[in-house]
PDB file of N, CA and C in Angstrom:
ATOM      1  N   UNK A   1     126.716 162.353 157.746  1.00  0.00           N
ATOM      2  CA  UNK A   1     127.305 163.256 156.787  1.00  0.00           C
ATOM      3  C   UNK A   1     127.637 162.511 155.489  1.00  0.00           C
ATOM      4  N   UNK A   2     128.301 161.374 155.580  1.00  0.00           N
ATOM      5  CA  UNK A   2     128.619 160.605 154.375  1.00  0.00           C
ATOM      6  C   UNK A   2     127.336 160.040 153.765  1.00  0.00           C
ATOM      7  N   UNK A   3     126.437 159.599 154.635  1.00  0.00           N
ATOM      8  CA  UNK A   3     125.159 159.097 154.140  1.00  0.00           C
ATOM      9  C   UNK A   3     124.419 160.184 153.371  1.00  0.00           C
ATOM     10  N   UNK A   4     124.494 161.422 153.837  1.00  0.00           N
ATOM     11  CA  UNK A   4     123.864 162.546 153.145  1.00  0.00           C
ATOM     12  C   UNK A   4     124.464 162.738 151.750  1.00  0.00           C
ATOM     13  N   UNK A   5     125.781 162.632 151.631  1.00  0.00           N
ATOM     14  CA  UNK A   5     126.430 162.771 150.325  1.00  0.00           C
ATOM     15  C   UNK A   5     126.013 161.640 149.385  1.00  0.00           C
ATOM     16  N   UNK A   6     125.924 160.429 149.921  1.00  0.00           N
ATOM     17  CA  UNK A   6     125.498 159.289 149.105  1.00  0.00           C
ATOM     18  C   UNK A   6     124.048 159.452 148.647  1.00  0.00           C
ATOM     19  N   UNK A   7     123.187 159.887 149.555  1.00  0.00           N
ATOM     20  CA  UNK A   7     121.776 160.080 149.224  1.00  0.00           C
ATOM     21  C   UNK A   7     121.613 161.163 148.158  1.00  0.00           C
ATOM     22  N   UNK A   8     122.317 162.277 148.322  1.00  0.00           N
ATOM     23  CA  UNK A   8     122.233 163.356 147.336  1.00  0.00           C
ATOM     24  C   UNK A   8     122.698 162.887 145.961  1.00  0.00           C
ATOM     25  N   UNK A   9     123.789 162.142 145.930  1.00  0.00           N
ATOM     26  CA  UNK A   9     124.309 161.642 144.653  1.00  0.00           C
ATOM     27  C   UNK A   9     123.295 160.707 144.003  1.00  0.00           C
ATOM     28  N   UNK A  10     122.749 159.794 144.786  1.00  0.00           N
ATOM     29  CA  UNK A  10     121.775 158.836 144.244  1.00  0.00           C
ATOM     30  C   UNK A  10     120.534 159.551 143.719  1.00  0.00           C
ATOM     31  N   UNK A  11     120.037 160.535 144.456  1.00  0.00           N
ATOM     32  CA  UNK A  11     118.853 161.281 144.026  1.00  0.00           C
ATOM     33  C   UNK A  11     119.132 162.072 142.747  1.00  0.00           C
ATOM     34  N   UNK A  12     120.293 162.708 142.686  1.00  0.00           N
ATOM     35  CA  UNK A  12     120.634 163.505 141.498  1.00  0.00           C
ATOM     36  C   UNK A  12     120.713 162.613 140.260  1.00  0.00           C
ATOM     37  N   UNK A  13     121.322 161.438 140.405  1.00  0.00           N
ATOM     38  CA  UNK A  13     121.450 160.531 139.268  1.00  0.00           C
ATOM     39  C   UNK A  13     120.097 159.950 138.867  1.00  0.00           C
ATOM     40  N   UNK A  14     119.247 159.643 139.851  1.00  0.00           N
ATOM     41  CA  UNK A  14     117.904 159.111 139.550  1.00  0.00           C
ATOM     42  C   UNK A  14     117.055 160.174 138.864  1.00  0.00           C
ATOM     43  N   UNK A  15     117.084 161.406 139.380  1.00  0.00           N
ATOM     44  CA  UNK A  15     116.293 162.489 138.796  1.00  0.00           C
ATOM     45  C   UNK A  15     116.742 162.812 137.381  1.00  0.00           C
ATOM     46  N   UNK A  16     118.032 162.663 137.127  1.00  0.00           N
ATOM     47  CA  UNK A  16     118.604 162.971 135.815  1.00  0.00           C
ATOM     48  C   UNK A  16     118.457 161.810 134.832  1.00  0.00           C
ATOM     49  N   UNK A  17     118.199 160.625 135.357  1.00  0.00           N
ATOM     50  CA  UNK A  17     118.158 159.448 134.486  1.00  0.00           C
ATOM     51  C   UNK A  17     119.538 159.041 134.016  1.00  0.00           C
ATOM     52  N   UNK A  18     120.530 159.242 134.863  1.00  0.00           N
ATOM     53  CA  UNK A  18     121.917 158.898 134.522  1.00  0.00           C
ATOM     54  C   UNK A  18     122.024 157.421 134.146  1.00  0.00           C
ATOM     55  N   UNK A  19     122.524 157.132 132.926  1.00  0.00           N
ATOM     56  CA  UNK A  19     122.721 155.726 132.555  1.00  0.00           C
ATOM     57  C   UNK A  19     123.875 155.136 133.375  1.00  0.00           C
ATOM     58  N   UNK A  20     123.720 153.923 133.842  1.00  0.00           N
ATOM     59  CA  UNK A  20     124.732 153.246 134.667  1.00  0.00           C
ATOM     60  C   UNK A  20     125.207 154.129 135.820  1.00  0.00           C
ATOM     61  N   UNK A  21     124.296 154.564 136.681  1.00  0.00           N
ATOM     62  CA  UNK A  21     124.700 155.433 137.790  1.00  0.00           C
ATOM     63  C   UNK A  21     125.727 154.741 138.683  1.00  0.00           C
ATOM     64  N   UNK A  22     126.762 155.498 139.037  1.00  0.00           N
ATOM     65  CA  UNK A  22     127.855 154.935 139.820  1.00  0.00           C
ATOM     66  C   UNK A  22     128.288 155.919 140.895  1.00  0.00           C
ATOM     67  N   UNK A  23     128.512 155.402 142.089  1.00  0.00           N
ATOM     68  CA  UNK A  23     129.101 156.184 143.179  1.00  0.00           C
ATOM     69  C   UNK A  23     130.359 155.447 143.618  1.00  0.00           C
ATOM     70  N   UNK A  24     131.447 156.181 143.704  1.00  0.00           N
ATOM     71  CA  UNK A  24     132.728 155.619 144.139  1.00  0.00           C
ATOM     72  C   UNK A  24     133.130 156.297 145.439  1.00  0.00           C
ATOM     73  N   UNK A  25     133.499 155.493 146.433  1.00  0.00           N
ATOM     74  CA  UNK A  25     134.080 156.012 147.672  1.00  0.00           C
ATOM     75  C   UNK A  25     135.563 155.706 147.630  1.00  0.00           C
ATOM     76  N   UNK A  26     136.356 156.744 147.856  1.00  0.00           N
ATOM     77  CA  UNK A  26     137.804 156.570 147.780  1.00  0.00           C
ATOM     78  C   UNK A  26     138.428 157.202 149.017  1.00  0.00           C
ATOM     79  N   UNK A  27     139.373 156.537 149.620  1.00  0.00           N
ATOM     80  CA  UNK A  27     140.078 157.090 150.779  1.00  0.00           C
ATOM     81  C   UNK A  27     141.579 157.037 150.528  1.00  0.00           C
ATOM     82  N   UNK A  28     142.257 157.966 151.170  1.00  0.00           N
ATOM     83  CA  UNK A  28     143.719 157.925 151.123  1.00  0.00           C
ATOM     84  C   UNK A  28     144.269 158.791 152.244  1.00  0.00           C
ATOM     85  N   UNK A  29     145.434 158.429 152.670  1.00  0.00           N
ATOM     86  CA  UNK A  29     146.112 159.192 153.705  1.00  0.00           C
ATOM     87  C   UNK A  29     147.025 160.217 153.035  1.00  0.00           C
ATOM     88  N   UNK A  30     146.940 161.449 153.503  1.00  0.00           N
ATOM     89  CA  UNK A  30     147.820 162.517 153.041  1.00  0.00           C
ATOM     90  C   UNK A  30     148.738 162.874 154.208  1.00  0.00           C
ATOM     91  N   UNK A  31     149.733 163.741 154.008  1.00  0.00           N
ATOM     92  CA  UNK A  31     150.688 164.006 155.091  1.00  0.00           C
ATOM     93  C   UNK A  31     150.048 164.342 156.451  1.00  0.00           C
ATOM     94  N   UNK A  32     149.072 165.250 156.494  1.00  0.00           N
ATOM     95  CA  UNK A  32     148.475 165.644 157.767  1.00  0.00           C
ATOM     96  C   UNK A  32     146.980 165.381 157.850  1.00  0.00           C
ATOM     97  N   UNK A  33     146.428 164.761 156.819  1.00  0.00           N
ATOM     98  CA  UNK A  33     144.985 164.543 156.787  1.00  0.00           C
ATOM     99  C   UNK A  33     144.638 163.160 156.246  1.00  0.00           C
ATOM    100  N   UNK A  34     143.401 162.806 156.470  1.00  0.00           N
ATOM    101  CA  UNK A  34     142.816 161.623 155.848  1.00  0.00           C
ATOM    102  C   UNK A  34     141.779 162.158 154.864  1.00  0.00           C
ATOM    103  N   UNK A  35     141.802 161.682 153.648  1.00  0.00           N
ATOM    104  CA  UNK A  35     140.897 162.147 152.598  1.00  0.00           C
ATOM    105  C   UNK A  35     139.869 161.079 152.294  1.00  0.00           C
ATOM    106  N   UNK A  36     138.606 161.496 152.257  1.00  0.00           N
ATOM    107  CA  UNK A  36     137.519 160.633 151.809  1.00  0.00           C
ATOM    108  C   UNK A  36     136.823 161.353 150.677  1.00  0.00           C
ATOM    109  N   UNK A  37     136.682 160.680 149.537  1.00  0.00           N
ATOM    110  CA  UNK A  37     135.996 161.274 148.391  1.00  0.00           C
ATOM    111  C   UNK A  37     134.746 160.471 148.057  1.00  0.00           C
ATOM    112  N   UNK A  38     133.672 161.197 147.755  1.00  0.00           N
ATOM    113  CA  UNK A  38     132.435 160.604 147.261  1.00  0.00           C
ATOM    114  C   UNK A  38     132.272 161.134 145.838  1.00  0.00           C
ATOM    115  N   UNK A  39     132.404 160.238 144.866  1.00  0.00           N
ATOM    116  CA  UNK A  39     132.444 160.624 143.450  1.00  0.00           C
ATOM    117  C   UNK A  39     131.269 159.964 142.733  1.00  0.00           C
ATOM    118  N   UNK A  40     130.559 160.759 141.926  1.00  0.00           N
ATOM    119  CA  UNK A  40     129.460 160.179 141.151  1.00  0.00           C
ATOM    120  C   UNK A  40     129.585 160.576 139.688  1.00  0.00           C
ATOM    121  N   UNK A  41     128.849 159.874 138.840  1.00  0.00           N
ATOM    122  CA  UNK A  41     128.852 160.174 137.402  1.00  0.00           C
ATOM    123  C   UNK A  41     127.521 160.799 136.985  1.00  0.00           C
ATOM    124  N   UNK A  42     126.918 161.543 137.911  1.00  0.00           N
ATOM    125  CA  UNK A  42     125.618 162.159 137.677  1.00  0.00           C
ATOM    126  C   UNK A  42     125.678 163.405 136.819  1.00  0.00           C
ATOM    127  N   UNK A  43     124.639 164.245 136.934  1.00  0.00           N
ATOM    128  CA  UNK A  43     124.498 165.407 136.053  1.00  0.00           C
ATOM    129  C   UNK A  43     125.497 166.527 136.305  1.00  0.00           C
ATOM    130  N   UNK A  44     126.167 166.511 137.447  1.00  0.00           N
ATOM    131  CA  UNK A  44     127.114 167.578 137.757  1.00  0.00           C
ATOM    132  C   UNK A  44     126.403 168.871 138.114  1.00  0.00           C
ATOM    133  N   UNK A  45     127.196 169.901 138.367  1.00  0.00           N
ATOM    134  CA  UNK A  45     126.661 171.202 138.786  1.00  0.00           C
ATOM    135  C   UNK A  45     127.388 172.323 138.067  1.00  0.00           C
ATOM    136  N   UNK A  46     126.649 173.396 137.813  1.00  0.00           N
ATOM    137  CA  UNK A  46     127.268 174.572 137.210  1.00  0.00           C
ATOM    138  C   UNK A  46     127.917 175.431 138.306  1.00  0.00           C
ATOM    139  N   UNK A  47     128.668 176.437 137.886  1.00  0.00           N
ATOM    140  CA  UNK A  47     129.408 177.274 138.835  1.00  0.00           C
ATOM    141  C   UNK A  47     128.480 178.036 139.773  1.00  0.00           C
ATOM    142  N   UNK A  48     127.342 178.469 139.283  1.00  0.00           N
ATOM    143  CA  UNK A  48     126.376 179.196 140.116  1.00  0.00           C
ATOM    144  C   UNK A  48     125.919 178.314 141.285  1.00  0.00           C
ATOM    145  N   UNK A  49     125.646 177.051 141.012  1.00  0.00           N
ATOM    146  CA  UNK A  49     125.241 176.112 142.061  1.00  0.00           C
ATOM    147  C   UNK A  49     126.403 175.837 143.009  1.00  0.00           C
ATOM    148  N   UNK A  50     127.596 175.620 142.463  1.00  0.00           N
ATOM    149  CA  UNK A  50     128.771 175.346 143.302  1.00  0.00           C
ATOM    150  C   UNK A  50     129.054 176.492 144.268  1.00  0.00           C
ATOM    151  N   UNK A  51     128.802 177.730 143.834  1.00  0.00           N
ATOM    152  CA  UNK A  51     129.058 178.882 144.690  1.00  0.00           C
ATOM    153  C   UNK A  51     128.152 178.908 145.921  1.00  0.00           C
ATOM    154  N   UNK A  52     127.013 178.234 145.862  1.00  0.00           N
ATOM    155  CA  UNK A  52     126.038 178.292 146.950  1.00  0.00           C
ATOM    156  C   UNK A  52     125.795 176.950 147.641  1.00  0.00           C
ATOM    157  N   UNK A  53     126.446 175.908 147.207  1.00  0.00           N
ATOM    158  CA  UNK A  53     126.112 174.544 147.589  1.00  0.00           C
ATOM    159  C   UNK A  53     126.092 174.298 149.101  1.00  0.00           C
ATOM    160  N   UNK A  54     126.918 174.994 149.866  1.00  0.00           N
ATOM    161  CA  UNK A  54     126.974 174.764 151.316  1.00  0.00           C
ATOM    162  C   UNK A  54     126.174 175.792 152.114  1.00  0.00           C
ATOM    163  N   UNK A  55     125.435 176.657 151.441  1.00  0.00           N
ATOM    164  CA  UNK A  55     124.609 177.659 152.134  1.00  0.00           C
ATOM    165  C   UNK A  55     123.380 177.000 152.754  1.00  0.00           C
ATOM    166  N   UNK A  56     123.030 177.397 153.987  1.00  0.00           N
ATOM    167  CA  UNK A  56     121.803 176.868 154.590  1.00  0.00           C
ATOM    168  C   UNK A  56     120.583 177.229 153.742  1.00  0.00           C
ATOM    169  N   UNK A  57     119.699 176.279 153.589  1.00  0.00           N
ATOM    170  CA  UNK A  57     118.424 176.406 152.879  1.00  0.00           C
ATOM    171  C   UNK A  57     118.552 176.490 151.359  1.00  0.00           C
ATOM    172  N   UNK A  58     119.775 176.385 150.818  1.00  0.00           N
ATOM    173  CA  UNK A  58     119.925 176.342 149.361  1.00  0.00           C
ATOM    174  C   UNK A  58     119.677 174.911 148.905  1.00  0.00           C
ATOM    175  N   UNK A  59     118.819 174.748 147.916  1.00  0.00           N
ATOM    176  CA  UNK A  59     118.538 173.418 147.378  1.00  0.00           C
ATOM    177  C   UNK A  59     118.316 173.504 145.877  1.00  0.00           C
ATOM    178  N   UNK A  60     118.634 172.435 145.206  1.00  0.00           N
ATOM    179  CA  UNK A  60     118.358 172.343 143.774  1.00  0.00           C
ATOM    180  C   UNK A  60     117.142 171.454 143.537  1.00  0.00           C
ATOM    181  N   UNK A  61     116.576 170.948 144.629  1.00  0.00           N
ATOM    182  CA  UNK A  61     115.448 170.031 144.527  1.00  0.00           C
ATOM    183  C   UNK A  61     114.129 170.796 144.430  1.00  0.00           C
ATOM    184  N   UNK A  62     113.100 170.086 143.980  1.00  0.00           N
ATOM    185  CA  UNK A  62     111.760 170.660 143.886  1.00  0.00           C
ATOM    186  C   UNK A  62     111.274 171.060 145.281  1.00  0.00           C
ATOM    187  N   UNK A  63     110.342 172.003 145.332  1.00  0.00           N
ATOM    188  CA  UNK A  63     109.749 172.424 146.593  1.00  0.00           C
ATOM    189  C   UNK A  63     109.152 171.203 147.290  1.00  0.00           C
ATOM    190  N   UNK A  64     109.476 171.055 148.568  1.00  0.00           N
ATOM    191  CA  UNK A  64     108.980 169.927 149.344  1.00  0.00           C
ATOM    192  C   UNK A  64     109.848 168.684 149.281  1.00  0.00           C
ATOM    193  N   UNK A  65     110.829 168.657 148.387  1.00  0.00           N
ATOM    194  CA  UNK A  65     111.674 167.467 148.238  1.00  0.00           C
ATOM    195  C   UNK A  65     112.946 167.545 149.073  1.00  0.00           C
ATOM    196  N   UNK A  66     113.298 168.728 149.520  1.00  0.00           N
ATOM    197  CA  UNK A  66     114.503 168.890 150.323  1.00  0.00           C
ATOM    198  C   UNK A  66     114.466 170.194 151.085  1.00  0.00           C
ATOM    199  N   UNK A  67     115.150 170.223 152.226  1.00  0.00           N
ATOM    200  CA  UNK A  67     115.156 171.429 153.064  1.00  0.00           C
ATOM    201  C   UNK A  67     116.316 172.356 152.745  1.00  0.00           C
ATOM    202  N   UNK A  68     117.338 171.840 152.075  1.00  0.00           N
ATOM    203  CA  UNK A  68     118.516 172.651 151.823  1.00  0.00           C
ATOM    204  C   UNK A  68     119.430 172.733 153.031  1.00  0.00           C
ATOM    205  N   UNK A  69     119.273 171.812 153.978  1.00  0.00           N
ATOM    206  CA  UNK A  69     120.109 171.841 155.174  1.00  0.00           C
ATOM    207  C   UNK A  69     121.182 170.752 155.195  1.00  0.00           C
ATOM    208  N   UNK A  70     121.018 169.713 154.399  1.00  0.00           N
ATOM    209  CA  UNK A  70     121.935 168.576 154.463  1.00  0.00           C
ATOM    210  C   UNK A  70     123.389 168.934 154.258  1.00  0.00           C
ATOM    211  N   UNK A  71     123.700 169.637 153.192  1.00  0.00           N
ATOM    212  CA  UNK A  71     125.103 169.971 152.918  1.00  0.00           C
ATOM    213  C   UNK A  71     125.638 171.048 153.847  1.00  0.00           C
ATOM    214  N   UNK A  72     124.786 171.989 154.256  1.00  0.00           N
ATOM    215  CA  UNK A  72     125.262 173.021 155.184  1.00  0.00           C
ATOM    216  C   UNK A  72     125.560 172.407 156.551  1.00  0.00           C
ATOM    217  N   UNK A  73     124.732 171.468 156.998  1.00  0.00           N
ATOM    218  CA  UNK A  73     124.991 170.783 158.263  1.00  0.00           C
ATOM    219  C   UNK A  73     126.242 169.915 158.139  1.00  0.00           C
ATOM    220  N   UNK A  74     126.386 169.221 157.028  1.00  0.00           N
ATOM    221  CA  UNK A  74     127.592 168.413 156.805  1.00  0.00           C
ATOM    222  C   UNK A  74     128.843 169.290 156.835  1.00  0.00           C
ATOM    223  N   UNK A  75     128.768 170.451 156.187  1.00  0.00           N
ATOM    224  CA  UNK A  75     129.900 171.383 156.164  1.00  0.00           C
ATOM    225  C   UNK A  75     130.257 171.816 157.590  1.00  0.00           C
ATOM    226  N   UNK A  76     129.235 172.146 158.378  1.00  0.00           N
ATOM    227  CA  UNK A  76     129.456 172.562 159.765  1.00  0.00           C
ATOM    228  C   UNK A  76     130.115 171.438 160.566  1.00  0.00           C
ATOM    229  N   UNK A  77     129.609 170.229 160.438  1.00  0.00           N
ATOM    230  CA  UNK A  77     130.164 169.096 161.192  1.00  0.00           C
ATOM    231  C   UNK A  77     131.630 168.884 160.838  1.00  0.00           C
ATOM    232  N   UNK A  78     131.942 168.875 159.551  1.00  0.00           N
ATOM    233  CA  UNK A  78     133.326 168.634 159.119  1.00  0.00           C
ATOM    234  C   UNK A  78     134.251 169.763 159.581  1.00  0.00           C
ATOM    235  N   UNK A  79     133.834 171.016 159.363  1.00  0.00           N
ATOM    236  CA  UNK A  79     134.733 172.137 159.649  1.00  0.00           C
ATOM    237  C   UNK A  79     134.792 172.519 161.122  1.00  0.00           C
ATOM    238  N   UNK A  80     133.648 172.531 161.787  1.00  0.00           N
ATOM    239  CA  UNK A  80     133.609 173.006 163.171  1.00  0.00           C
ATOM    240  C   UNK A  80     133.814 171.891 164.195  1.00  0.00           C
ATOM    241  N   UNK A  81     133.234 170.736 163.970  1.00  0.00           N
ATOM    242  CA  UNK A  81     133.317 169.654 164.942  1.00  0.00           C
ATOM    243  C   UNK A  81     134.568 168.796 164.773  1.00  0.00           C
ATOM    244  N   UNK A  82     135.084 168.727 163.548  1.00  0.00           N
ATOM    245  CA  UNK A  82     136.229 167.859 163.284  1.00  0.00           C
ATOM    246  C   UNK A  82     137.453 168.603 162.761  1.00  0.00           C
ATOM    247  N   UNK A  83     137.367 169.929 162.684  1.00  0.00           N
ATOM    248  CA  UNK A  83     138.501 170.752 162.250  1.00  0.00           C
ATOM    249  C   UNK A  83     139.012 170.319 160.868  1.00  0.00           C
ATOM    250  N   UNK A  84     138.067 169.949 159.993  1.00  0.00           N
ATOM    251  CA  UNK A  84     138.432 169.478 158.669  1.00  0.00           C
ATOM    252  C   UNK A  84     137.982 170.422 157.573  1.00  0.00           C
ATOM    253  N   UNK A  85     137.950 169.904 156.356  1.00  0.00           N
ATOM    254  CA  UNK A  85     137.513 170.685 155.188  1.00  0.00           C
ATOM    255  C   UNK A  85     136.592 169.818 154.347  1.00  0.00           C
ATOM    256  N   UNK A  86     135.567 170.461 153.812  1.00  0.00           N
ATOM    257  CA  UNK A  86     134.646 169.804 152.887  1.00  0.00           C
ATOM    258  C   UNK A  86     134.602 170.658 151.637  1.00  0.00           C
ATOM    259  N   UNK A  87     134.873 170.051 150.496  1.00  0.00           N
ATOM    260  CA  UNK A  87     134.866 170.797 149.240  1.00  0.00           C
ATOM    261  C   UNK A  87     134.235 169.944 148.148  1.00  0.00           C
ATOM    262  N   UNK A  88     133.920 170.598 147.039  1.00  0.00           N
ATOM    263  CA  UNK A  88     133.300 169.896 145.921  1.00  0.00           C
ATOM    264  C   UNK A  88     133.878 170.414 144.617  1.00  0.00           C
ATOM    265  N   UNK A  89     134.060 169.510 143.666  1.00  0.00           N
ATOM    266  CA  UNK A  89     134.404 169.884 142.293  1.00  0.00           C
ATOM    267  C   UNK A  89     133.376 169.228 141.387  1.00  0.00           C
ATOM    268  N   UNK A  90     132.974 169.963 140.363  1.00  0.00           N
ATOM    269  CA  UNK A  90     131.954 169.446 139.460  1.00  0.00           C
ATOM    270  C   UNK A  90     131.858 170.331 138.233  1.00  0.00           C
ATOM    271  N   UNK A  91     131.389 169.729 137.165  1.00  0.00           N
ATOM    272  CA  UNK A  91     131.062 170.457 135.939  1.00  0.00           C
ATOM    273  C   UNK A  91     129.782 169.842 135.391  1.00  0.00           C
ATOM    274  N   UNK A  92     128.949 170.646 134.742  1.00  0.00           N
ATOM    275  CA  UNK A  92     127.721 170.096 134.173  1.00  0.00           C
ATOM    276  C   UNK A  92     128.013 168.905 133.252  1.00  0.00           C
ATOM    277  N   UNK A  93     127.267 167.828 133.471  1.00  0.00           N
ATOM    278  CA  UNK A  93     127.419 166.636 132.652  1.00  0.00           C
ATOM    279  C   UNK A  93     128.601 165.756 133.005  1.00  0.00           C
ATOM    280  N   UNK A  94     129.373 166.134 134.045  1.00  0.00           N
ATOM    281  CA  UNK A  94     130.584 165.383 134.374  1.00  0.00           C
ATOM    282  C   UNK A  94     130.619 164.872 135.804  1.00  0.00           C
ATOM    283  N   UNK A  95     129.478 164.791 136.459  1.00  0.00           N
ATOM    284  CA  UNK A  95     129.435 164.261 137.810  1.00  0.00           C
ATOM    285  C   UNK A  95     129.969 165.243 138.835  1.00  0.00           C
ATOM    286  N   UNK A  96     130.163 164.725 140.049  1.00  0.00           N
ATOM    287  CA  UNK A  96     130.638 165.553 141.159  1.00  0.00           C
ATOM    288  C   UNK A  96     131.585 164.742 142.028  1.00  0.00           C
ATOM    289  N   UNK A  97     132.481 165.450 142.702  1.00  0.00           N
ATOM    290  CA  UNK A  97     133.396 164.833 143.657  1.00  0.00           C
ATOM    291  C   UNK A  97     133.400 165.676 144.925  1.00  0.00           C
ATOM    292  N   UNK A  98     132.857 165.117 146.015  1.00  0.00           N
ATOM    293  CA  UNK A  98     132.904 165.768 147.319  1.00  0.00           C
ATOM    294  C   UNK A  98     134.101 165.210 148.062  1.00  0.00           C
ATOM    295  N   UNK A  99     134.936 166.090 148.590  1.00  0.00           N
ATOM    296  CA  UNK A  99     136.154 165.699 149.299  1.00  0.00           C
ATOM    297  C   UNK A  99     136.068 166.136 150.755  1.00  0.00           C
ATOM    298  N   UNK A 100     136.276 165.184 151.643  1.00  0.00           N
ATOM    299  CA  UNK A 100     136.309 165.453 153.077  1.00  0.00           C
ATOM    300  C   UNK A 100     137.733 165.203 153.538  1.00  0.00           C
ATOM    301  N   UNK A 101     138.340 166.236 154.108  1.00  0.00           N
ATOM    302  CA  UNK A 101     139.691 166.094 154.651  1.00  0.00           C
ATOM    303  C   UNK A 101     139.614 166.315 156.159  1.00  0.00           C
ATOM    304  N   UNK A 102     140.083 165.314 156.914  1.00  0.00           N
ATOM    305  CA  UNK A 102     140.075 165.375 158.364  1.00  0.00           C
ATOM    306  C   UNK A 102     141.501 165.250 158.881  1.00  0.00           C
ATOM    307  N   UNK A 103     141.807 165.958 159.974  1.00  0.00           N
ATOM    308  CA  UNK A 103     143.159 165.857 160.544  1.00  0.00           C
ATOM    309  C   UNK A 103     143.473 164.410 160.911  1.00  0.00           C
ATOM    310  N   UNK A 104     144.700 163.990 160.656  1.00  0.00           N
ATOM    311  CA  UNK A 104     145.069 162.621 160.956  1.00  0.00           C
ATOM    312  C   UNK A 104     145.625 162.457 162.370  1.00  0.00           C
ATOM    313  N   UNK A 105     145.892 163.572 163.056  1.00  0.00           N
ATOM    314  CA  UNK A 105     146.337 163.430 164.439  1.00  0.00           C
ATOM    315  C   UNK A 105     145.285 163.989 165.391  1.00  0.00           C
ATOM    316  N   UNK A 106     145.141 163.330 166.505  1.00  0.00           N
ATOM    317  CA  UNK A 106     144.092 163.690 167.470  1.00  0.00           C
ATOM    318  C   UNK A 106     144.307 165.075 168.075  1.00  0.00           C
ATOM    319  N   UNK A 107     145.526 165.549 168.152  1.00  0.00           N
ATOM    320  CA  UNK A 107     145.806 166.848 168.751  1.00  0.00           C
ATOM    321  C   UNK A 107     145.184 167.984 167.948  1.00  0.00           C
ATOM    322  N   UNK A 108     144.956 167.764 166.639  1.00  0.00           N
ATOM    323  CA  UNK A 108     144.396 168.799 165.783  1.00  0.00           C
ATOM    324  C   UNK A 108     142.880 168.926 165.947  1.00  0.00           C
ATOM    325  N   UNK A 109     142.261 167.957 166.614  1.00  0.00           N
ATOM    326  CA  UNK A 109     140.816 168.007 166.811  1.00  0.00           C
ATOM    327  C   UNK A 109     140.467 168.982 167.929  1.00  0.00           C
ATOM    328  N   UNK A 110     139.297 169.662 167.817  1.00  0.00           N
ATOM    329  CA  UNK A 110     138.901 170.613 168.868  1.00  0.00           C
ATOM    330  C   UNK A 110     138.596 169.910 170.168  1.00  0.00           C
TER     331      UNK A 110
END
């Protein structure tokens, strides 16, 4: 799941020709969750894309370059298998930040 986020960020920055492409991984403990963020300085996404980003078979890649399943499967794993949350914030030209929040106590896991 994290590898998928890293791969998507790297591909988006390479396809866009982002100068000085950068991916930052950041973690922190919150009161009831552990937060992991994958942040890039790539091309970002518009609201139309953000509204569909976790839908199965939705892709922004060229035909044959992606199945559109990576983020939907990641969303399922985080939400259904780990009782967590996966979200994204982004604006065109301002990169993206994917946030994974997982319960910090084992009792909250399914």
